[in-house]
Protein backbone atom coordinates (compact mmCIF):
# COMPACT_ATOMS: atom_id res chain seq x y z
CA MET A 1 -6.60 -13.05 2.61
CA GLU A 2 -7.93 -12.46 -0.88
CA ILE A 3 -8.43 -8.89 -2.04
CA ALA A 4 -12.25 -9.04 -2.17
CA THR A 5 -12.26 -10.45 1.36
CA LEU A 6 -9.87 -7.68 2.46
CA GLN A 7 -12.20 -5.01 1.10
CA LYS A 8 -15.20 -6.59 2.80
CA THR A 9 -13.36 -7.07 6.10
CA VAL A 10 -12.13 -3.49 6.16
CA ASP A 11 -15.60 -2.22 5.43
CA GLU A 12 -17.05 -4.29 8.23
CA TRP A 13 -14.29 -3.08 10.62
CA ILE A 14 -15.01 0.56 9.69
CA LYS A 15 -18.72 0.11 10.34
CA ALA A 16 -18.16 -1.70 13.63
CA TYR A 17 -15.31 0.29 15.14
CA GLY A 18 -14.55 3.33 13.03
CA VAL A 19 -18.14 4.67 12.95
CA ARG A 20 -17.69 5.85 9.33
CA TYR A 21 -14.98 6.35 6.74
CA PHE A 22 -12.92 9.51 6.99
CA ASN A 23 -13.46 11.58 3.85
CA GLU A 24 -11.28 10.78 0.84
CA LEU A 25 -8.95 13.71 1.34
CA THR A 26 -8.31 12.81 4.97
CA ASN A 27 -7.69 9.18 3.99
CA TYR A 28 -5.29 10.29 1.26
CA ALA A 29 -3.35 12.32 3.83
CA LEU A 30 -3.32 9.31 6.14
CA LEU A 31 -2.05 7.09 3.27
CA VAL A 32 0.78 9.49 2.64
CA GLU A 33 1.57 9.51 6.35
CA GLU A 34 1.63 5.68 6.49
CA VAL A 35 3.85 5.47 3.40
CA GLY A 36 6.21 7.92 5.06
CA GLU A 37 6.42 5.72 8.18
CA MET A 38 7.16 2.72 6.03
CA GLY A 39 9.78 4.76 4.17
CA ARG A 40 11.45 5.78 7.42
CA ILE A 41 11.92 2.14 8.42
CA ILE A 42 13.24 1.10 4.94
CA ALA A 43 15.66 4.04 4.87
CA ARG A 44 17.07 3.04 8.20
CA LYS A 45 16.97 -0.74 7.89
CA TYR A 46 18.04 -1.05 4.21
CA GLY A 47 19.39 2.40 3.41
CA GLU A 48 22.15 4.54 4.77
CA GLN A 49 20.34 6.20 7.71
CA SER A 50 20.61 4.83 11.21
CA PHE A 51 17.83 4.17 13.68
CA LYS A 52 17.32 6.52 16.57
CA ASN A 53 17.06 4.56 19.78
CA LYS A 54 13.29 4.77 20.06
CA GLU A 55 12.83 3.73 16.42
CA GLU A 56 14.47 0.34 16.69
CA ASP A 57 11.14 -1.30 17.52
CA TYR A 58 9.43 -0.11 14.35
CA ASN A 59 7.69 -2.97 12.53
CA LEU A 60 7.87 -2.86 8.70
CA ALA A 61 5.11 -5.49 8.30
CA ASP A 62 2.79 -3.47 10.49
CA GLU A 63 3.50 -0.28 8.52
CA MET A 64 2.82 -2.11 5.24
CA ALA A 65 -0.46 -3.35 6.71
CA ASP A 66 -1.34 0.22 7.68
CA VAL A 67 -0.73 1.32 4.06
CA MET A 68 -2.90 -1.53 2.77
CA PHE A 69 -5.67 -0.71 5.25
CA VAL A 70 -5.92 2.98 4.29
CA LEU A 71 -5.59 2.18 0.61
CA THR A 72 -8.39 -0.35 0.98
CA CYS A 73 -10.49 2.33 2.73
CA ILE A 74 -10.02 4.70 -0.17
CA ALA A 75 -10.94 1.95 -2.68
CA ASN A 76 -14.03 1.11 -0.75
CA GLN A 77 -15.30 4.61 -0.43
CA THR A 78 -14.63 5.42 -4.06
CA GLY A 79 -16.22 2.22 -5.39
CA ILE A 80 -13.05 0.65 -6.72
CA ASP A 81 -12.80 -3.16 -6.96
CA LEU A 82 -9.13 -3.57 -6.13
CA ASN A 83 -9.05 -7.10 -7.55
CA GLU A 84 -10.24 -5.83 -10.92
CA ALA A 85 -7.99 -2.76 -10.72
CA ILE A 86 -4.90 -4.87 -10.03
CA GLN A 87 -5.71 -7.30 -12.83
CA ASN A 88 -6.27 -4.46 -15.29
CA ASN A 89 -2.98 -2.89 -14.16
CA LEU A 90 -1.07 -6.16 -14.63
CA ASP A 91 -2.60 -6.60 -18.11
CA LYS A 92 -1.50 -3.07 -19.00
CA LYS A 93 2.03 -3.62 -17.71
CA THR A 94 2.31 -6.96 -19.47
CA LYS A 95 1.24 -5.49 -22.82
CA ARG A 96 3.46 -2.43 -22.42
CA ASP A 97 6.52 -4.05 -20.80
CA HIS A 98 6.49 -7.63 -22.12
CA SER A 99 10.10 -7.27 -23.37
CA ARG A 100 11.24 -3.93 -22.05
CA HIS A 101 13.00 -5.13 -18.87
CA PHE A 102 14.69 -8.02 -20.71
CA GLU A 103 16.12 -5.46 -23.11
CA ASN A 104 17.29 -3.09 -20.34
CA LYS A 105 21.05 -3.47 -20.08
CA LYS A 106 21.02 -1.77 -16.68
CA ILE A 107 19.19 -4.64 -15.07
CA ASN A 108 19.76 -7.50 -17.50
CA PRO A 109 23.37 -7.33 -18.76
């Protein structure tokens, strides 16, 4: 799904099933919560923590989708075009970091 389509689809879902957007502060808190749930899975699956029995069914893809959903809600309600924002961000990173990582001996010996 393209980013513009994602923003439109989330907006339509909110209007059809969510009644309205939660306010920005609530959505930010939900975003932090969802990132934490994603972090818990990553720490246990790829890090040094172990799963508790009930946590073994956690789905990383689903948690990432939750993060994307809430982030898209915040973008929609604050009038941010995520496609434009991501392109601008990539342009900034390209200008700033065009050779930085190649010169970093820690990752490119």
